[in-house]
Amino acid sequence: MFDGKSCEIDQVVYALLLIHPSSPTVALSTGHFKRIESAAAAKLLKLSREQRYRI
Protein backbone atom coordinates (compact mmCIF):
# COMPACT_ATOMS: atom_id res chain seq x y z
CA MET A 1 0.00 0.00 0.00
CA PHE A 2 1.57 3.26 -1.14
CA ASP A 3 0.00 6.71 -0.90
CA GLY A 4 -3.22 5.19 0.36
CA LYS A 5 -3.65 3.07 -2.78
CA SER A 6 -3.30 -0.65 -3.16
CA CYS A 7 -0.91 -1.86 -5.81
CA GLU A 8 0.69 -5.00 -7.18
CA ILE A 9 4.26 -6.06 -6.44
CA ASP A 10 5.27 -5.58 -10.08
CA GLN A 11 4.12 -1.95 -9.89
CA VAL A 12 6.36 -1.38 -6.88
CA VAL A 13 9.33 -2.89 -8.73
CA TYR A 14 8.68 -0.71 -11.78
CA ALA A 15 8.29 2.37 -9.57
CA LEU A 16 11.64 1.63 -7.92
CA LEU A 17 13.31 1.26 -11.30
CA LEU A 18 11.79 4.48 -12.60
CA ILE A 19 13.14 6.56 -9.69
CA HIS A 20 16.58 4.96 -9.65
CA PRO A 21 19.35 7.55 -10.17
CA SER A 22 20.90 5.62 -13.09
CA SER A 23 17.58 5.85 -15.03
CA PRO A 24 17.44 2.25 -16.28
CA THR A 25 15.14 1.36 -19.17
CA VAL A 26 12.27 -0.94 -18.28
CA ALA A 27 11.69 -3.61 -20.94
CA LEU A 28 8.41 -5.44 -20.42
CA SER A 29 8.71 -7.91 -23.31
CA THR A 30 5.01 -8.74 -23.19
CA GLY A 31 1.98 -8.20 -25.36
CA HIS A 32 -0.53 -8.68 -22.58
CA PHE A 33 -2.49 -5.47 -22.17
CA LYS A 34 -3.04 -5.94 -18.41
CA ARG A 35 0.70 -6.18 -17.76
CA ILE A 36 1.40 -3.10 -19.86
CA GLU A 37 -1.39 -1.22 -18.10
CA SER A 38 0.00 -2.27 -14.71
CA ALA A 39 3.49 -1.08 -15.65
CA ALA A 40 2.12 2.26 -16.84
CA ALA A 41 0.26 2.70 -13.54
CA ALA A 42 3.59 2.40 -11.72
CA LYS A 43 4.48 5.90 -12.90
CA LEU A 44 1.72 7.19 -10.63
CA LEU A 45 3.21 5.64 -7.49
CA LYS A 46 5.05 8.04 -5.24
CA LEU A 47 7.42 6.18 -2.93
CA SER A 48 8.84 8.03 0.02
CA ARG A 49 12.51 7.69 0.89
CA GLU A 50 11.60 5.57 3.91
CA GLN A 51 9.48 3.23 1.76
CA ARG A 52 12.31 2.83 -0.75
CA TYR A 53 14.81 1.93 1.93
CA ARG A 54 12.40 -0.46 3.66
CA ILE A 55 11.98 -2.36 0.40
PDB file of N, CA and C in Angstrom:
ATOM      1  N   MET A   1       0.846  -1.175   0.000  1.00  0.00           N
ATOM      2  CA  MET A   1       0.000   0.000   0.000  1.00  0.00           C
ATOM      3  C   MET A   1       0.889   1.236   0.000  1.00  0.00           C
ATOM      4  N   PHE A   2       0.773   2.047  -1.007  1.00  0.00           N
ATOM      5  CA  PHE A   2       1.567   3.257  -1.137  1.00  0.00           C
ATOM      6  C   PHE A   2       0.647   4.429  -1.436  1.00  0.00           C
ATOM      7  N   ASP A   3       0.817   5.513  -0.723  1.00  0.00           N
ATOM      8  CA  ASP A   3      -0.002   6.715  -0.903  1.00  0.00           C
ATOM      9  C   ASP A   3      -1.492   6.429  -0.745  1.00  0.00           C
ATOM     10  N   GLY A   4      -1.825   5.501   0.124  1.00  0.00           N
ATOM     11  CA  GLY A   4      -3.220   5.194   0.364  1.00  0.00           C
ATOM     12  C   GLY A   4      -3.884   4.381  -0.740  1.00  0.00           C
ATOM     13  N   LYS A   5      -3.103   3.870  -1.683  1.00  0.00           N
ATOM     14  CA  LYS A   5      -3.650   3.074  -2.782  1.00  0.00           C
ATOM     15  C   LYS A   5      -3.054   1.680  -2.733  1.00  0.00           C
ATOM     16  N   SER A   6      -3.853   0.695  -3.093  1.00  0.00           N
ATOM     17  CA  SER A   6      -3.302  -0.654  -3.163  1.00  0.00           C
ATOM     18  C   SER A   6      -2.644  -0.823  -4.530  1.00  0.00           C
ATOM     19  N   CYS A   7      -1.608  -1.637  -4.558  1.00  0.00           N
ATOM     20  CA  CYS A   7      -0.910  -1.856  -5.815  1.00  0.00           C
ATOM     21  C   CYS A   7      -0.303  -3.253  -5.824  1.00  0.00           C
ATOM     22  N   GLU A   8       0.091  -3.682  -6.995  1.00  0.00           N
ATOM     23  CA  GLU A   8       0.691  -4.995  -7.178  1.00  0.00           C
ATOM     24  C   GLU A   8       2.202  -4.901  -6.971  1.00  0.00           C
ATOM     25  N   ILE A   9       2.827  -6.028  -6.687  1.00  0.00           N
ATOM     26  CA  ILE A   9       4.261  -6.058  -6.442  1.00  0.00           C
ATOM     27  C   ILE A   9       5.041  -5.631  -7.683  1.00  0.00           C
ATOM     28  N   ASP A  10       4.563  -5.988  -8.869  1.00  0.00           N
ATOM     29  CA  ASP A  10       5.274  -5.576 -10.078  1.00  0.00           C
ATOM     30  C   ASP A  10       5.262  -4.060 -10.250  1.00  0.00           C
ATOM     31  N   GLN A  11       4.191  -3.407  -9.818  1.00  0.00           N
ATOM     32  CA  GLN A  11       4.125  -1.953  -9.890  1.00  0.00           C
ATOM     33  C   GLN A  11       5.158  -1.309  -8.968  1.00  0.00           C
ATOM     34  N   VAL A  12       5.361  -1.901  -7.810  1.00  0.00           N
ATOM     35  CA  VAL A  12       6.358  -1.381  -6.876  1.00  0.00           C
ATOM     36  C   VAL A  12       7.756  -1.526  -7.464  1.00  0.00           C
ATOM     37  N   VAL A  13       8.024  -2.665  -8.095  1.00  0.00           N
ATOM     38  CA  VAL A  13       9.333  -2.893  -8.726  1.00  0.00           C
ATOM     39  C   VAL A  13       9.547  -1.881  -9.846  1.00  0.00           C
ATOM     40  N   TYR A  14       8.549  -1.683 -10.697  1.00  0.00           N
ATOM     41  CA  TYR A  14       8.681  -0.708 -11.777  1.00  0.00           C
ATOM     42  C   TYR A  14       8.885   0.697 -11.218  1.00  0.00           C
ATOM     43  N   ALA A  15       8.142   1.041 -10.169  1.00  0.00           N
ATOM     44  CA  ALA A  15       8.287   2.372  -9.570  1.00  0.00           C
ATOM     45  C   ALA A  15       9.699   2.569  -9.027  1.00  0.00           C
ATOM     46  N   LEU A  16      10.264   1.538  -8.412  1.00  0.00           N
ATOM     47  CA  LEU A  16      11.636   1.633  -7.916  1.00  0.00           C
ATOM     48  C   LEU A  16      12.624   1.831  -9.062  1.00  0.00           C
ATOM     49  N   LEU A  17      12.419   1.112 -10.144  1.00  0.00           N
ATOM     50  CA  LEU A  17      13.307   1.256 -11.296  1.00  0.00           C
ATOM     51  C   LEU A  17      13.202   2.651 -11.915  1.00  0.00           C
ATOM     52  N   LEU A  18      11.998   3.173 -11.965  1.00  0.00           N
ATOM     53  CA  LEU A  18      11.790   4.475 -12.595  1.00  0.00           C
ATOM     54  C   LEU A  18      12.401   5.627 -11.810  1.00  0.00           C
ATOM     55  N   ILE A  19      12.558   5.476 -10.491  1.00  0.00           N
ATOM     56  CA  ILE A  19      13.137   6.556  -9.694  1.00  0.00           C
ATOM     57  C   ILE A  19      14.611   6.336  -9.395  1.00  0.00           C
ATOM     58  N   HIS A  20      15.175   5.249  -9.900  1.00  0.00           N
ATOM     59  CA  HIS A  20      16.583   4.958  -9.647  1.00  0.00           C
ATOM     60  C   HIS A  20      17.453   6.026 -10.309  1.00  0.00           C
ATOM     61  N   PRO A  21      18.506   6.477  -9.627  1.00  0.00           N
ATOM     62  CA  PRO A  21      19.354   7.547 -10.170  1.00  0.00           C
ATOM     63  C   PRO A  21      20.008   7.226 -11.514  1.00  0.00           C
ATOM     64  N   SER A  22      20.247   5.964 -11.822  1.00  0.00           N
ATOM     65  CA  SER A  22      20.898   5.618 -13.086  1.00  0.00           C
ATOM     66  C   SER A  22      19.926   5.605 -14.265  1.00  0.00           C
ATOM     67  N   SER A  23      18.632   5.807 -14.004  1.00  0.00           N
ATOM     68  CA  SER A  23      17.581   5.845 -15.030  1.00  0.00           C
ATOM     69  C   SER A  23      17.606   4.641 -15.966  1.00  0.00           C
ATOM     70  N   PRO A  24      17.455   3.431 -15.411  1.00  0.00           N
ATOM     71  CA  PRO A  24      17.441   2.249 -16.284  1.00  0.00           C
ATOM     72  C   PRO A  24      16.190   2.225 -17.160  1.00  0.00           C
ATOM     73  N   THR A  25      16.280   1.530 -18.264  1.00  0.00           N
ATOM     74  CA  THR A  25      15.143   1.361 -19.166  1.00  0.00           C
ATOM     75  C   THR A  25      14.401   0.093 -18.772  1.00  0.00           C
ATOM     76  N   VAL A  26      13.093   0.203 -18.641  1.00  0.00           N
ATOM     77  CA  VAL A  26      12.272  -0.945 -18.276  1.00  0.00           C
ATOM     78  C   VAL A  26      11.774  -1.598 -19.567  1.00  0.00           C
ATOM     79  N   ALA A  27      12.140  -2.857 -19.775  1.00  0.00           N
ATOM     80  CA  ALA A  27      11.689  -3.609 -20.941  1.00  0.00           C
ATOM     81  C   ALA A  27      10.692  -4.662 -20.474  1.00  0.00           C
ATOM     82  N   LEU A  28       9.462  -4.528 -20.892  1.00  0.00           N
ATOM     83  CA  LEU A  28       8.414  -5.439 -20.421  1.00  0.00           C
ATOM     84  C   LEU A  28       8.419  -6.765 -21.167  1.00  0.00           C
ATOM     85  N   SER A  29       8.715  -6.744 -22.436  1.00  0.00           N
ATOM     86  CA  SER A  29       8.709  -7.914 -23.311  1.00  0.00           C
ATOM     87  C   SER A  29       7.432  -8.748 -23.158  1.00  0.00           C
ATOM     88  N   THR A  30       6.310  -8.075 -23.264  1.00  0.00           N
ATOM     89  CA  THR A  30       5.014  -8.742 -23.194  1.00  0.00           C
ATOM     90  C   THR A  30       4.038  -8.045 -24.122  1.00  0.00           C
ATOM     91  N   GLY A  31       3.047  -8.768 -24.555  1.00  0.00           N
ATOM     92  CA  GLY A  31       1.984  -8.203 -25.362  1.00  0.00           C
ATOM     93  C   GLY A  31       0.664  -8.175 -24.629  1.00  0.00           C
ATOM     94  N   HIS A  32       0.688  -8.634 -23.383  1.00  0.00           N
ATOM     95  CA  HIS A  32      -0.531  -8.675 -22.579  1.00  0.00           C
ATOM     96  C   HIS A  32      -0.886  -7.269 -22.100  1.00  0.00           C
ATOM     97  N   PHE A  33      -2.067  -6.824 -22.476  1.00  0.00           N
ATOM     98  CA  PHE A  33      -2.492  -5.470 -22.165  1.00  0.00           C
ATOM     99  C   PHE A  33      -2.519  -5.195 -20.664  1.00  0.00           C
ATOM    100  N   LYS A  34      -2.955  -6.163 -19.852  1.00  0.00           N
ATOM    101  CA  LYS A  34      -3.043  -5.940 -18.407  1.00  0.00           C
ATOM    102  C   LYS A  34      -1.671  -5.688 -17.792  1.00  0.00           C
ATOM    103  N   ARG A  35      -0.652  -6.383 -18.283  1.00  0.00           N
ATOM    104  CA  ARG A  35       0.704  -6.179 -17.763  1.00  0.00           C
ATOM    105  C   ARG A  35       1.246  -4.815 -18.165  1.00  0.00           C
ATOM    106  N   ILE A  36       0.953  -4.420 -19.394  1.00  0.00           N
ATOM    107  CA  ILE A  36       1.400  -3.101 -19.862  1.00  0.00           C
ATOM    108  C   ILE A  36       0.685  -2.004 -19.086  1.00  0.00           C
ATOM    109  N   GLU A  37      -0.596  -2.187 -18.861  1.00  0.00           N
ATOM    110  CA  GLU A  37      -1.385  -1.221 -18.097  1.00  0.00           C
ATOM    111  C   GLU A  37      -0.867  -1.115 -16.659  1.00  0.00           C
ATOM    112  N   SER A  38      -0.520  -2.247 -16.064  1.00  0.00           N
ATOM    113  CA  SER A  38       0.003  -2.271 -14.707  1.00  0.00           C
ATOM    114  C   SER A  38       1.336  -1.542 -14.630  1.00  0.00           C
ATOM    115  N   ALA A  39       2.194  -1.750 -15.626  1.00  0.00           N
ATOM    116  CA  ALA A  39       3.494  -1.078 -15.646  1.00  0.00           C
ATOM    117  C   ALA A  39       3.319   0.429 -15.808  1.00  0.00           C
ATOM    118  N   ALA A  40       2.378   0.835 -16.638  1.00  0.00           N
ATOM    119  CA  ALA A  40       2.122   2.259 -16.842  1.00  0.00           C
ATOM    120  C   ALA A  40       1.599   2.908 -15.557  1.00  0.00           C
ATOM    121  N   ALA A  41       0.805   2.175 -14.794  1.00  0.00           N
ATOM    122  CA  ALA A  41       0.263   2.701 -13.543  1.00  0.00           C
ATOM    123  C   ALA A  41       1.358   2.915 -12.499  1.00  0.00           C
ATOM    124  N   ALA A  42       2.484   2.250 -12.669  1.00  0.00           N
ATOM    125  CA  ALA A  42       3.594   2.397 -11.720  1.00  0.00           C
ATOM    126  C   ALA A  42       4.156   3.812 -11.732  1.00  0.00           C
ATOM    127  N   LYS A  43       4.000   4.521 -12.836  1.00  0.00           N
ATOM    128  CA  LYS A  43       4.482   5.904 -12.899  1.00  0.00           C
ATOM    129  C   LYS A  43       3.724   6.805 -11.936  1.00  0.00           C
ATOM    130  N   LEU A  44       2.538   6.390 -11.533  1.00  0.00           N
ATOM    131  CA  LEU A  44       1.725   7.187 -10.627  1.00  0.00           C
ATOM    132  C   LEU A  44       2.071   6.971  -9.161  1.00  0.00           C
ATOM    133  N   LEU A  45       2.837   5.917  -8.873  1.00  0.00           N
ATOM    134  CA  LEU A  45       3.211   5.636  -7.488  1.00  0.00           C
ATOM    135  C   LEU A  45       4.268   6.618  -7.018  1.00  0.00           C
ATOM    136  N   LYS A  46       4.081   7.137  -5.856  1.00  0.00           N
ATOM    137  CA  LYS A  46       5.052   8.038  -5.241  1.00  0.00           C
ATOM    138  C   LYS A  46       5.583   7.351  -3.989  1.00  0.00           C
ATOM    139  N   LEU A  47       6.809   6.872  -4.062  1.00  0.00           N
ATOM    140  CA  LEU A  47       7.417   6.184  -2.932  1.00  0.00           C
ATOM    141  C   LEU A  47       8.238   7.173  -2.121  1.00  0.00           C
ATOM    142  N   SER A  48       8.041   7.164  -0.829  1.00  0.00           N
ATOM    143  CA  SER A  48       8.844   8.026   0.023  1.00  0.00           C
ATOM    144  C   SER A  48      10.236   7.413   0.183  1.00  0.00           C
ATOM    145  N   ARG A  49      11.148   8.195   0.676  1.00  0.00           N
ATOM    146  CA  ARG A  49      12.505   7.688   0.890  1.00  0.00           C
ATOM    147  C   ARG A  49      12.490   6.523   1.876  1.00  0.00           C
ATOM    148  N   GLU A  50      11.689   6.642   2.914  1.00  0.00           N
ATOM    149  CA  GLU A  50      11.596   5.566   3.910  1.00  0.00           C
ATOM    150  C   GLU A  50      11.064   4.289   3.279  1.00  0.00           C
ATOM    151  N   GLN A  51      10.035   4.402   2.432  1.00  0.00           N
ATOM    152  CA  GLN A  51       9.479   3.227   1.765  1.00  0.00           C
ATOM    153  C   GLN A  51      10.512   2.570   0.856  1.00  0.00           C
ATOM    154  N   ARG A  52      11.269   3.386   0.138  1.00  0.00           N
ATOM    155  CA  ARG A  52      12.306   2.828  -0.755  1.00  0.00           C
ATOM    156  C   ARG A  52      13.350   2.070   0.042  1.00  0.00           C
ATOM    157  N   TYR A  53      13.796   2.609   1.143  1.00  0.00           N
ATOM    158  CA  TYR A  53      14.815   1.930   1.932  1.00  0.00           C
ATOM    159  C   TYR A  53      14.270   0.690   2.650  1.00  0.00           C
ATOM    160  N   ARG A  54      12.989   0.714   3.011  1.00  0.00           N
ATOM    161  CA  ARG A  54      12.398  -0.462   3.656  1.00  0.00           C
ATOM    162  C   ARG A  54      12.289  -1.634   2.682  1.00  0.00           C
ATOM    163  N   ILE A  55      12.077  -1.305   1.418  1.00  0.00           N
ATOM    164  CA  ILE A  55      11.979  -2.359   0.397  1.00  0.00           C
ATOM    165  C   ILE A  55      13.339  -2.968   0.191  1.00  0.00           C
TER     166      ILE A  55
END
